[in-house]
Amino acid sequence: MAPTTLLRRGREISGDFGDTAPCEAALALAQGVDVMVHETTLDASMEEKANARGHSSTRQTATLAQEAAVGRLIMTHISSRYDDKGCQRLLAECRAIFPATELAYDFSVFPV
């Protein structure tokens, strides 16, 4: 998928931001899109580690979605260190900042 793809008139998806530490370019690409698909590798307490490896934390991803005024955030590229309970905790961290957040598992399908 191209960074911004027009699926049909009036619908824009920005994604997939994989292996993306916070940056102004990501904010510009995501500005006002209907759906943003973004990696959320680690929880907020591990933000420094995430950034050192070129990734984003839950807080950073949700804040980007909020600042870009996107319609929905779909979290992807979660570290394998998190089991299902851990993934739900990551989802809760994002939703505390940006409530319109969903978590993508392998082979997830989302209506647009």
PDB file of N, CA and C in Angstrom:
ATOM      1  N   MET A   1       0.850  -1.167   0.000  1.00  0.00           N
ATOM      2  CA  MET A   1       0.000   0.000   0.000  1.00  0.00           C
ATOM      3  C   MET A   1       0.897   1.233   0.000  1.00  0.00           C
ATOM      4  N   ALA A   2       0.577   2.205  -0.803  1.00  0.00           N
ATOM      5  CA  ALA A   2       1.307   3.469  -0.820  1.00  0.00           C
ATOM      6  C   ALA A   2       1.058   4.198   0.497  1.00  0.00           C
ATOM      7  N   PRO A   3       1.959   5.115   0.906  1.00  0.00           N
ATOM      8  CA  PRO A   3       1.762   5.814   2.177  1.00  0.00           C
ATOM      9  C   PRO A   3       0.369   6.420   2.338  1.00  0.00           C
ATOM     10  N   THR A   4      -0.184   6.964   1.293  1.00  0.00           N
ATOM     11  CA  THR A   4      -1.566   7.447   1.345  1.00  0.00           C
ATOM     12  C   THR A   4      -2.258   6.932   0.095  1.00  0.00           C
ATOM     13  N   THR A   5      -3.293   6.130   0.279  1.00  0.00           N
ATOM     14  CA  THR A   5      -3.980   5.511  -0.842  1.00  0.00           C
ATOM     15  C   THR A   5      -5.435   5.926  -0.822  1.00  0.00           C
ATOM     16  N   LEU A   6      -5.924   6.441  -1.920  1.00  0.00           N
ATOM     17  CA  LEU A   6      -7.334   6.787  -2.044  1.00  0.00           C
ATOM     18  C   LEU A   6      -8.076   5.543  -2.493  1.00  0.00           C
ATOM     19  N   LEU A   7      -8.883   4.953  -1.613  1.00  0.00           N
ATOM     20  CA  LEU A   7      -9.606   3.732  -1.928  1.00  0.00           C
ATOM     21  C   LEU A   7     -10.838   4.025  -2.754  1.00  0.00           C
ATOM     22  N   ARG A   8     -11.539   5.043  -2.389  1.00  0.00           N
ATOM     23  CA  ARG A   8     -12.683   5.524  -3.157  1.00  0.00           C
ATOM     24  C   ARG A   8     -12.888   6.970  -2.728  1.00  0.00           C
ATOM     25  N   ARG A   9     -13.579   7.685  -3.514  1.00  0.00           N
ATOM     26  CA  ARG A   9     -13.756   9.107  -3.247  1.00  0.00           C
ATOM     27  C   ARG A   9     -14.167   9.342  -1.782  1.00  0.00           C
ATOM     28  N   GLY A  10     -13.384  10.148  -1.090  1.00  0.00           N
ATOM     29  CA  GLY A  10     -13.722  10.499   0.278  1.00  0.00           C
ATOM     30  C   GLY A  10     -13.117   9.611   1.348  1.00  0.00           C
ATOM     31  N   ARG A  11     -12.395   8.545   0.974  1.00  0.00           N
ATOM     32  CA  ARG A  11     -11.788   7.646   1.961  1.00  0.00           C
ATOM     33  C   ARG A  11     -10.277   7.635   1.780  1.00  0.00           C
ATOM     34  N   GLU A  12      -9.544   7.932   2.845  1.00  0.00           N
ATOM     35  CA  GLU A  12      -8.094   7.854   2.778  1.00  0.00           C
ATOM     36  C   GLU A  12      -7.574   6.999   3.910  1.00  0.00           C
ATOM     37  N   ILE A  13      -6.606   6.170   3.563  1.00  0.00           N
ATOM     38  CA  ILE A  13      -5.922   5.351   4.553  1.00  0.00           C
ATOM     39  C   ILE A  13      -4.454   5.723   4.508  1.00  0.00           C
ATOM     40  N   SER A  14      -3.881   5.917   5.659  1.00  0.00           N
ATOM     41  CA  SER A  14      -2.459   6.190   5.743  1.00  0.00           C
ATOM     42  C   SER A  14      -1.808   5.016   6.436  1.00  0.00           C
ATOM     43  N   GLY A  15      -0.958   4.354   5.779  1.00  0.00           N
ATOM     44  CA  GLY A  15      -0.298   3.209   6.394  1.00  0.00           C
ATOM     45  C   GLY A  15       0.515   2.515   5.356  1.00  0.00           C
ATOM     46  N   ASP A  16       1.177   1.645   5.711  1.00  0.00           N
ATOM     47  CA  ASP A  16       1.454   1.147   7.038  1.00  0.00           C
ATOM     48  C   ASP A  16       2.741   1.775   7.524  1.00  0.00           C
ATOM     49  N   PHE A  17       2.686   2.385   8.692  1.00  0.00           N
ATOM     50  CA  PHE A  17       3.891   2.916   9.299  1.00  0.00           C
ATOM     51  C   PHE A  17       4.538   1.775  10.075  1.00  0.00           C
ATOM     52  N   GLY A  18       5.482   1.090   9.466  1.00  0.00           N
ATOM     53  CA  GLY A  18       6.205   0.006  10.124  1.00  0.00           C
ATOM     54  C   GLY A  18       7.623   0.464  10.405  1.00  0.00           C
ATOM     55  N   ASP A  19       8.156   0.052  11.525  1.00  0.00           N
ATOM     56  CA  ASP A  19       9.505   0.458  11.924  1.00  0.00           C
ATOM     57  C   ASP A  19       9.663   1.974  11.810  1.00  0.00           C
ATOM     58  N   THR A  20       8.790   2.675  12.507  1.00  0.00           N
ATOM     59  CA  THR A  20       8.759   4.132  12.431  1.00  0.00           C
ATOM     60  C   THR A  20       8.834   4.747  13.822  1.00  0.00           C
ATOM     61  N   ALA A  21       9.943   5.399  14.108  1.00  0.00           N
ATOM     62  CA  ALA A  21      10.028   6.198  15.327  1.00  0.00           C
ATOM     63  C   ALA A  21       9.309   7.519  15.047  1.00  0.00           C
ATOM     64  N   PRO A  22       8.842   8.215  16.072  1.00  0.00           N
ATOM     65  CA  PRO A  22       8.113   9.463  15.858  1.00  0.00           C
ATOM     66  C   PRO A  22       8.911  10.459  15.015  1.00  0.00           C
ATOM     67  N   CYS A  23       8.231  11.074  14.045  1.00  0.00           N
ATOM     68  CA  CYS A  23       8.878  12.083  13.205  1.00  0.00           C
ATOM     69  C   CYS A  23       7.809  12.968  12.560  1.00  0.00           C
ATOM     70  N   GLU A  24       8.221  14.129  12.115  1.00  0.00           N
ATOM     71  CA  GLU A  24       7.306  15.089  11.488  1.00  0.00           C
ATOM     72  C   GLU A  24       6.729  14.546  10.185  1.00  0.00           C
ATOM     73  N   ALA A  25       7.505  13.750   9.452  1.00  0.00           N
ATOM     74  CA  ALA A  25       7.021  13.201   8.178  1.00  0.00           C
ATOM     75  C   ALA A  25       5.812  12.299   8.404  1.00  0.00           C
ATOM     76  N   ALA A  26       5.834  11.505   9.471  1.00  0.00           N
ATOM     77  CA  ALA A  26       4.697  10.627   9.775  1.00  0.00           C
ATOM     78  C   ALA A  26       3.454  11.460  10.076  1.00  0.00           C
ATOM     79  N   LEU A  27       3.635  12.537  10.815  1.00  0.00           N
ATOM     80  CA  LEU A  27       2.510  13.423  11.134  1.00  0.00           C
ATOM     81  C   LEU A  27       1.930  14.031   9.855  1.00  0.00           C
ATOM     82  N   ALA A  28       2.784  14.458   8.955  1.00  0.00           N
ATOM     83  CA  ALA A  28       2.322  15.054   7.695  1.00  0.00           C
ATOM     84  C   ALA A  28       1.569  14.035   6.844  1.00  0.00           C
ATOM     85  N   LEU A  29       2.072  12.799   6.765  1.00  0.00           N
ATOM     86  CA  LEU A  29       1.419  11.760   5.963  1.00  0.00           C
ATOM     87  C   LEU A  29       0.064  11.350   6.527  1.00  0.00           C
ATOM     88  N   ALA A  30      -0.046  11.368   7.845  1.00  0.00           N
ATOM     89  CA  ALA A  30      -1.267  10.884   8.491  1.00  0.00           C
ATOM     90  C   ALA A  30      -2.346  11.951   8.636  1.00  0.00           C
ATOM     91  N   GLN A  31      -2.012  13.191   8.406  1.00  0.00           N
ATOM     92  CA  GLN A  31      -2.919  14.304   8.684  1.00  0.00           C
ATOM     93  C   GLN A  31      -4.319  14.101   8.095  1.00  0.00           C
ATOM     94  N   GLY A  32      -5.314  13.948   8.986  1.00  0.00           N
ATOM     95  CA  GLY A  32      -6.716  13.912   8.594  1.00  0.00           C
ATOM     96  C   GLY A  32      -7.200  12.671   7.874  1.00  0.00           C
ATOM     97  N   VAL A  33      -6.409  11.599   7.837  1.00  0.00           N
ATOM     98  CA  VAL A  33      -6.864  10.399   7.128  1.00  0.00           C
ATOM     99  C   VAL A  33      -7.958   9.686   7.923  1.00  0.00           C
ATOM    100  N   ASP A  34      -8.736   8.875   7.235  1.00  0.00           N
ATOM    101  CA  ASP A  34      -9.809   8.125   7.893  1.00  0.00           C
ATOM    102  C   ASP A  34      -9.266   7.016   8.780  1.00  0.00           C
ATOM    103  N   VAL A  35      -8.257   6.301   8.285  1.00  0.00           N
ATOM    104  CA  VAL A  35      -7.683   5.173   9.023  1.00  0.00           C
ATOM    105  C   VAL A  35      -6.164   5.254   8.943  1.00  0.00           C
ATOM    106  N   MET A  36      -5.501   5.170  10.097  1.00  0.00           N
ATOM    107  CA  MET A  36      -4.047   5.111  10.137  1.00  0.00           C
ATOM    108  C   MET A  36      -3.636   3.742  10.675  1.00  0.00           C
ATOM    109  N   VAL A  37      -2.817   3.036   9.916  1.00  0.00           N
ATOM    110  CA  VAL A  37      -2.258   1.751  10.343  1.00  0.00           C
ATOM    111  C   VAL A  37      -0.821   2.037  10.763  1.00  0.00           C
ATOM    112  N   HIS A  38      -0.508   1.802  12.038  1.00  0.00           N
ATOM    113  CA  HIS A  38       0.806   2.205  12.555  1.00  0.00           C
ATOM    114  C   HIS A  38       1.347   1.151  13.507  1.00  0.00           C
ATOM    115  N   GLU A  39       2.639   0.904  13.409  1.00  0.00           N
ATOM    116  CA  GLU A  39       3.275  -0.025  14.343  1.00  0.00           C
ATOM    117  C   GLU A  39       3.257   0.530  15.755  1.00  0.00           C
ATOM    118  N   THR A  40       3.097  -0.375  16.700  1.00  0.00           N
ATOM    119  CA  THR A  40       3.072  -0.033  18.122  1.00  0.00           C
ATOM    120  C   THR A  40       3.842  -1.135  18.836  1.00  0.00           C
ATOM    121  N   THR A  41       5.152  -1.106  18.701  1.00  0.00           N
ATOM    122  CA  THR A  41       5.980  -2.235  19.102  1.00  0.00           C
ATOM    123  C   THR A  41       6.023  -2.466  20.604  1.00  0.00           C
ATOM    124  N   LEU A  42       6.165  -1.401  21.384  1.00  0.00           N
ATOM    125  CA  LEU A  42       6.359  -1.564  22.825  1.00  0.00           C
ATOM    126  C   LEU A  42       5.430  -0.651  23.625  1.00  0.00           C
ATOM    127  N   ASP A  43       5.269  -0.987  24.906  1.00  0.00           N
ATOM    128  CA  ASP A  43       4.419  -0.177  25.777  1.00  0.00           C
ATOM    129  C   ASP A  43       5.127   1.131  26.137  1.00  0.00           C
ATOM    130  N   ALA A  44       4.381   2.034  26.731  1.00  0.00           N
ATOM    131  CA  ALA A  44       4.885   3.377  27.024  1.00  0.00           C
ATOM    132  C   ALA A  44       6.105   3.365  27.941  1.00  0.00           C
ATOM    133  N   SER A  45       6.198   2.397  28.846  1.00  0.00           N
ATOM    134  CA  SER A  45       7.340   2.350  29.765  1.00  0.00           C
ATOM    135  C   SER A  45       8.637   1.982  29.050  1.00  0.00           C
ATOM    136  N   MET A  46       8.541   1.461  27.843  1.00  0.00           N
ATOM    137  CA  MET A  46       9.724   1.039  27.088  1.00  0.00           C
ATOM    138  C   MET A  46       9.975   1.951  25.879  1.00  0.00           C
ATOM    139  N   GLU A  47       9.513   3.174  25.978  1.00  0.00           N
ATOM    140  CA  GLU A  47       9.597   4.126  24.865  1.00  0.00           C
ATOM    141  C   GLU A  47      11.027   4.364  24.391  1.00  0.00           C
ATOM    142  N   GLU A  48      11.958   4.542  25.330  1.00  0.00           N
ATOM    143  CA  GLU A  48      13.350   4.788  24.960  1.00  0.00           C
ATOM    144  C   GLU A  48      13.913   3.625  24.144  1.00  0.00           C
ATOM    145  N   LYS A  49      13.623   2.421  24.589  1.00  0.00           N
ATOM    146  CA  LYS A  49      14.085   1.217  23.883  1.00  0.00           C
ATOM    147  C   LYS A  49      13.452   1.140  22.489  1.00  0.00           C
ATOM    148  N   ALA A  50      12.173   1.456  22.407  1.00  0.00           N
ATOM    149  CA  ALA A  50      11.480   1.436  21.112  1.00  0.00           C
ATOM    150  C   ALA A  50      12.143   2.411  20.146  1.00  0.00           C
ATOM    151  N   ASN A  51      12.379   3.627  20.598  1.00  0.00           N
ATOM    152  CA  ASN A  51      12.967   4.654  19.733  1.00  0.00           C
ATOM    153  C   ASN A  51      14.390   4.309  19.314  1.00  0.00           C
ATOM    154  N   ALA A  52      15.161   3.713  20.220  1.00  0.00           N
ATOM    155  CA  ALA A  52      16.536   3.320  19.893  1.00  0.00           C
ATOM    156  C   ALA A  52      16.568   2.293  18.769  1.00  0.00           C
ATOM    157  N   ARG A  53      15.485   1.544  18.629  1.00  0.00           N
ATOM    158  CA  ARG A  53      15.409   0.511  17.590  1.00  0.00           C
ATOM    159  C   ARG A  53      14.548   0.948  16.393  1.00  0.00           C
ATOM    160  N   GLY A  54      14.192   2.230  16.355  1.00  0.00           N
ATOM    161  CA  GLY A  54      13.417   2.742  15.229  1.00  0.00           C
ATOM    162  C   GLY A  54      11.950   2.372  15.272  1.00  0.00           C
ATOM    163  N   HIS A  55      11.412   2.228  16.485  1.00  0.00           N
ATOM    164  CA  HIS A  55      10.009   1.867  16.658  1.00  0.00           C
ATOM    165  C   HIS A  55       9.276   2.935  17.465  1.00  0.00           C
ATOM    166  N   SER A  56       7.974   2.742  17.629  1.00  0.00           N
ATOM    167  CA  SER A  56       7.140   3.652  18.415  1.00  0.00           C
ATOM    168  C   SER A  56       6.516   2.916  19.594  1.00  0.00           C
ATOM    169  N   SER A  57       6.238   3.663  20.641  1.00  0.00           N
ATOM    170  CA  SER A  57       5.532   3.123  21.805  1.00  0.00           C
ATOM    171  C   SER A  57       4.034   3.359  21.635  1.00  0.00           C
ATOM    172  N   THR A  58       3.272   2.792  22.541  1.00  0.00           N
ATOM    173  CA  THR A  58       1.826   3.009  22.534  1.00  0.00           C
ATOM    174  C   THR A  58       1.496   4.493  22.649  1.00  0.00           C
ATOM    175  N   ARG A  59       2.164   5.167  23.572  1.00  0.00           N
ATOM    176  CA  ARG A  59       1.896   6.591  23.792  1.00  0.00           C
ATOM    177  C   ARG A  59       2.201   7.401  22.540  1.00  0.00           C
ATOM    178  N   GLN A  60       3.319   7.105  21.905  1.00  0.00           N
ATOM    179  CA  GLN A  60       3.707   7.861  20.715  1.00  0.00           C
ATOM    180  C   GLN A  60       2.752   7.622  19.550  1.00  0.00           C
ATOM    181  N   THR A  61       2.350   6.378  19.360  1.00  0.00           N
ATOM    182  CA  THR A  61       1.438   6.054  18.263  1.00  0.00           C
ATOM    183  C   THR A  61       0.079   6.715  18.473  1.00  0.00           C
ATOM    184  N   ALA A  62      -0.457   6.603  19.679  1.00  0.00           N
ATOM    185  CA  ALA A  62      -1.766   7.194  19.970  1.00  0.00           C
ATOM    186  C   ALA A  62      -1.716   8.717  19.908  1.00  0.00           C
ATOM    187  N   THR A  63      -0.623   9.303  20.365  1.00  0.00           N
ATOM    188  CA  THR A  63      -0.469  10.756  20.305  1.00  0.00           C
ATOM    189  C   THR A  63      -0.388  11.227  18.858  1.00  0.00           C
ATOM    190  N   LEU A  64       0.316  10.478  18.016  1.00  0.00           N
ATOM    191  CA  LEU A  64       0.375  10.808  16.591  1.00  0.00           C
ATOM    192  C   LEU A  64      -1.026  10.779  15.984  1.00  0.00           C
ATOM    193  N   ALA A  65      -1.798   9.746  16.301  1.00  0.00           N
ATOM    194  CA  ALA A  65      -3.171   9.640  15.784  1.00  0.00           C
ATOM    195  C   ALA A  65      -4.006  10.838  16.226  1.00  0.00           C
ATOM    196  N   GLN A  66      -3.845  11.222  17.473  1.00  0.00           N
ATOM    197  CA  GLN A  66      -4.589  12.364  18.016  1.00  0.00           C
ATOM    198  C   GLN A  66      -4.172  13.668  17.335  1.00  0.00           C
ATOM    199  N   GLU A  67      -2.866  13.905  17.239  1.00  0.00           N
ATOM    200  CA  GLU A  67      -2.362  15.146  16.642  1.00  0.00           C
ATOM    201  C   GLU A  67      -2.683  15.241  15.152  1.00  0.00           C
ATOM    202  N   ALA A  68      -2.714  14.106  14.472  1.00  0.00           N
ATOM    203  CA  ALA A  68      -3.012  14.093  13.036  1.00  0.00           C
ATOM    204  C   ALA A  68      -4.512  14.120  12.769  1.00  0.00           C
ATOM    205  N   ALA A  69      -5.306  14.029  13.829  1.00  0.00           N
ATOM    206  CA  ALA A  69      -6.772  14.044  13.714  1.00  0.00           C
ATOM    207  C   ALA A  69      -7.266  12.968  12.748  1.00  0.00           C
ATOM    208  N   VAL A  70      -6.754  11.743  12.942  1.00  0.00           N
ATOM    209  CA  VAL A  70      -7.203  10.630  12.102  1.00  0.00           C
ATOM    210  C   VAL A  70      -8.549  10.122  12.609  1.00  0.00           C
ATOM    211  N   GLY A  71      -9.252   9.391  11.773  1.00  0.00           N
ATOM    212  CA  GLY A  71     -10.541   8.845  12.187  1.00  0.00           C
ATOM    213  C   GLY A  71     -10.396   7.622  13.073  1.00  0.00           C
ATOM    214  N   ARG A  72      -9.495   6.711  12.687  1.00  0.00           N
ATOM    215  CA  ARG A  72      -9.264   5.461  13.428  1.00  0.00           C
ATOM    216  C   ARG A  72      -7.793   5.105  13.385  1.00  0.00           C
ATOM    217  N   LEU A  73      -7.336   4.463  14.433  1.00  0.00           N
ATOM    218  CA  LEU A  73      -5.973   3.949  14.512  1.00  0.00           C
ATOM    219  C   LEU A  73      -6.037   2.431  14.587  1.00  0.00           C
ATOM    220  N   ILE A  74      -5.257   1.772  13.743  1.00  0.00           N
ATOM    221  CA  ILE A  74      -5.107   0.318  13.834  1.00  0.00           C
ATOM    222  C   ILE A  74      -3.652   0.044  14.195  1.00  0.00           C
ATOM    223  N   MET A  75      -3.466  -0.568  15.366  1.00  0.00           N
ATOM    224  CA  MET A  75      -2.135  -0.892  15.874  1.00  0.00           C
ATOM    225  C   MET A  75      -1.629  -2.184  15.231  1.00  0.00           C
ATOM    226  N   THR A  76      -0.359  -2.172  14.796  1.00  0.00           N
ATOM    227  CA  THR A  76       0.265  -3.367  14.222  1.00  0.00           C
ATOM    228  C   THR A  76       1.683  -3.521  14.764  1.00  0.00           C
ATOM    229  N   HIS A  77       2.352  -4.584  14.332  1.00  0.00           N
ATOM    230  CA  HIS A  77       3.781  -4.806  14.596  1.00  0.00           C
ATOM    231  C   HIS A  77       4.083  -4.781  16.097  1.00  0.00           C
ATOM    232  N   ILE A  78       3.284  -5.519  16.859  1.00  0.00           N
ATOM    233  CA  ILE A  78       3.458  -5.616  18.312  1.00  0.00           C
ATOM    234  C   ILE A  78       4.603  -6.592  18.597  1.00  0.00           C
ATOM    235  N   SER A  79       5.439  -6.266  19.550  1.00  0.00           N
ATOM    236  CA  SER A  79       6.544  -7.147  19.921  1.00  0.00           C
ATOM    237  C   SER A  79       6.017  -8.508  20.370  1.00  0.00           C
ATOM    238  N   SER A  80       6.755  -9.549  20.032  1.00  0.00           N
ATOM    239  CA  SER A  80       6.359 -10.912  20.421  1.00  0.00           C
ATOM    240  C   SER A  80       6.487 -11.143  21.925  1.00  0.00           C
ATOM    241  N   ARG A  81       7.047 -10.202  22.649  1.00  0.00           N
ATOM    242  CA  ARG A  81       7.151 -10.333  24.108  1.00  0.00           C
ATOM    243  C   ARG A  81       5.772 -10.267  24.781  1.00  0.00           C
ATOM    244  N   TYR A  82       4.763  -9.751  24.053  1.00  0.00           N
ATOM    245  CA  TYR A  82       3.428  -9.581  24.624  1.00  0.00           C
ATOM    246  C   TYR A  82       2.513 -10.737  24.245  1.00  0.00           C
ATOM    247  N   ASP A  83       1.934 -11.380  25.266  1.00  0.00           N
ATOM    248  CA  ASP A  83       0.902 -12.390  25.026  1.00  0.00           C
ATOM    249  C   ASP A  83      -0.425 -11.653  24.821  1.00  0.00           C
ATOM    250  N   ASP A  84      -1.521 -12.389  24.723  1.00  0.00           N
ATOM    251  CA  ASP A  84      -2.807 -11.739  24.461  1.00  0.00           C
ATOM    252  C   ASP A  84      -3.166 -10.725  25.545  1.00  0.00           C
ATOM    253  N   LYS A  85      -2.899 -11.072  26.799  1.00  0.00           N
ATOM    254  CA  LYS A  85      -3.185 -10.145  27.898  1.00  0.00           C
ATOM    255  C   LYS A  85      -2.326  -8.881  27.766  1.00  0.00           C
ATOM    256  N   GLY A  86      -1.069  -9.053  27.396  1.00  0.00           N
ATOM    257  CA  GLY A  86      -0.182  -7.911  27.187  1.00  0.00           C
ATOM    258  C   GLY A  86      -0.642  -7.043  26.028  1.00  0.00           C
ATOM    259  N   CYS A  87      -1.101  -7.681  24.962  1.00  0.00           N
ATOM    260  CA  CYS A  87      -1.619  -6.934  23.802  1.00  0.00           C
ATOM    261  C   CYS A  87      -2.837  -6.111  24.193  1.00  0.00           C
ATOM    262  N   GLN A  88      -3.681  -6.672  25.038  1.00  0.00           N
ATOM    263  CA  GLN A  88      -4.855  -5.933  25.497  1.00  0.00           C
ATOM    264  C   GLN A  88      -4.450  -4.735  26.356  1.00  0.00           C
ATOM    265  N   ARG A  89      -3.354  -4.891  27.105  1.00  0.00           N
ATOM    266  CA  ARG A  89      -2.834  -3.771  27.900  1.00  0.00           C
ATOM    267  C   ARG A  89      -2.320  -2.662  26.972  1.00  0.00           C
ATOM    268  N   LEU A  90      -1.637  -3.050  25.888  1.00  0.00           N
ATOM    269  CA  LEU A  90      -1.165  -2.065  24.912  1.00  0.00           C
ATOM    270  C   LEU A  90      -2.347  -1.324  24.283  1.00  0.00           C
ATOM    271  N   LEU A  91      -3.386  -2.083  23.952  1.00  0.00           N
ATOM    272  CA  LEU A  91      -4.593  -1.487  23.380  1.00  0.00           C
ATOM    273  C   LEU A  91      -5.196  -0.477  24.355  1.00  0.00           C
ATOM    274  N   ALA A  92      -5.256  -0.835  25.625  1.00  0.00           N
ATOM    275  CA  ALA A  92      -5.802   0.073  26.644  1.00  0.00           C
ATOM    276  C   ALA A  92      -4.954   1.339  26.765  1.00  0.00           C
ATOM    277  N   GLU A  93      -3.627   1.198  26.677  1.00  0.00           N
ATOM    278  CA  GLU A  93      -2.748   2.372  26.740  1.00  0.00           C
ATOM    279  C   GLU A  93      -3.041   3.321  25.579  1.00  0.00           C
ATOM    280  N   CYS A  94      -3.200   2.772  24.390  1.00  0.00           N
ATOM    281  CA  CYS A  94      -3.510   3.618  23.224  1.00  0.00           C
ATOM    282  C   CYS A  94      -4.884   4.255  23.360  1.00  0.00           C
ATOM    283  N   ARG A  95      -5.867   3.466  23.766  1.00  0.00           N
ATOM    284  CA  ARG A  95      -7.237   3.988  23.877  1.00  0.00           C
ATOM    285  C   ARG A  95      -7.366   5.072  24.938  1.00  0.00           C
ATOM    286  N   ALA A  96      -6.499   5.059  25.945  1.00  0.00           N
ATOM    287  CA  ALA A  96      -6.531   6.111  26.963  1.00  0.00           C
ATOM    288  C   ALA A  96      -6.214   7.474  26.342  1.00  0.00           C
ATOM    289  N   ILE A  97      -5.454   7.476  25.262  1.00  0.00           N
ATOM    290  CA  ILE A  97      -5.093   8.711  24.561  1.00  0.00           C
ATOM    291  C   ILE A  97      -5.973   8.920  23.335  1.00  0.00           C
ATOM    292  N   PHE A  98      -6.186   7.835  22.578  1.00  0.00           N
ATOM    293  CA  PHE A  98      -6.953   7.906  21.330  1.00  0.00           C
ATOM    294  C   PHE A  98      -7.970   6.766  21.329  1.00  0.00           C
ATOM    295  N   PRO A  99      -9.190   7.022  21.792  1.00  0.00           N
ATOM    296  CA  PRO A  99     -10.197   5.964  21.969  1.00  0.00           C
ATOM    297  C   PRO A  99     -10.541   5.157  20.715  1.00  0.00           C
ATOM    298  N   ALA A 100     -10.440   5.741  19.549  1.00  0.00           N
ATOM    299  CA  ALA A 100     -10.819   5.035  18.309  1.00  0.00           C
ATOM    300  C   ALA A 100      -9.660   4.177  17.804  1.00  0.00           C
ATOM    301  N   THR A 101      -9.165   3.309  18.687  1.00  0.00           N
ATOM    302  CA  THR A 101      -8.015   2.454  18.378  1.00  0.00           C
ATOM    303  C   THR A 101      -8.440   1.000  18.350  1.00  0.00           C
ATOM    304  N   GLU A 102      -7.912   0.270  17.373  1.00  0.00           N
ATOM    305  CA  GLU A 102      -8.144  -1.170  17.258  1.00  0.00           C
ATOM    306  C   GLU A 102      -6.798  -1.870  17.160  1.00  0.00           C
ATOM    307  N   LEU A 103      -6.771  -3.125  17.558  1.00  0.00           N
ATOM    308  CA  LEU A 103      -5.547  -3.922  17.540  1.00  0.00           C
ATOM    309  C   LEU A 103      -5.626  -4.955  16.432  1.00  0.00           C
ATOM    310  N   ALA A 104      -4.637  -4.960  15.548  1.00  0.00           N
ATOM    311  CA  ALA A 104      -4.597  -5.939  14.463  1.00  0.00           C
ATOM    312  C   ALA A 104      -3.779  -7.148  14.896  1.00  0.00           C
ATOM    313  N   TYR A 105      -4.373  -8.310  14.733  1.00  0.00           N
ATOM    314  CA  TYR A 105      -3.655  -9.570  14.893  1.00  0.00           C
ATOM    315  C   TYR A 105      -3.330 -10.068  13.491  1.00  0.00           C
ATOM    316  N   ASP A 106      -2.493 -11.084  13.368  1.00  0.00           N
ATOM    317  CA  ASP A 106      -2.210 -11.663  12.056  1.00  0.00           C
ATOM    318  C   ASP A 106      -3.517 -12.029  11.369  1.00  0.00           C
ATOM    319  N   PHE A 107      -3.636 -11.655  10.134  1.00  0.00           N
ATOM    320  CA  PHE A 107      -4.782 -11.944   9.264  1.00  0.00           C
ATOM    321  C   PHE A 107      -6.066 -11.211   9.670  1.00  0.00           C
ATOM    322  N   SER A 108      -5.961 -10.179  10.496  1.00  0.00           N
ATOM    323  CA  SER A 108      -7.144  -9.375  10.837  1.00  0.00           C
ATOM    324  C   SER A 108      -7.670  -8.676   9.588  1.00  0.00           C
ATOM    325  N   VAL A 109      -8.974  -8.496   9.548  1.00  0.00           N
ATOM    326  CA  VAL A 109      -9.631  -7.768   8.463  1.00  0.00           C
ATOM    327  C   VAL A 109     -10.476  -6.677   9.103  1.00  0.00           C
ATOM    328  N   PHE A 110     -10.363  -5.460   8.584  1.00  0.00           N
ATOM    329  CA  PHE A 110     -11.105  -4.328   9.117  1.00  0.00           C
ATOM    330  C   PHE A 110     -11.910  -3.678   8.002  1.00  0.00           C
ATOM    331  N   PRO A 111     -13.201  -3.468   8.205  1.00  0.00           N
ATOM    332  CA  PRO A 111     -13.979  -2.740   7.193  1.00  0.00           C
ATOM    333  C   PRO A 111     -13.540  -1.277   7.167  1.00  0.00           C
ATOM    334  N   VAL A 112     -13.537  -0.699   5.987  1.00  0.00           N
ATOM    335  CA  VAL A 112     -13.127   0.701   5.855  1.00  0.00           C
ATOM    336  C   VAL A 112     -14.293   1.503   5.331  1.00  0.00           C
TER     337      VAL A 112
END
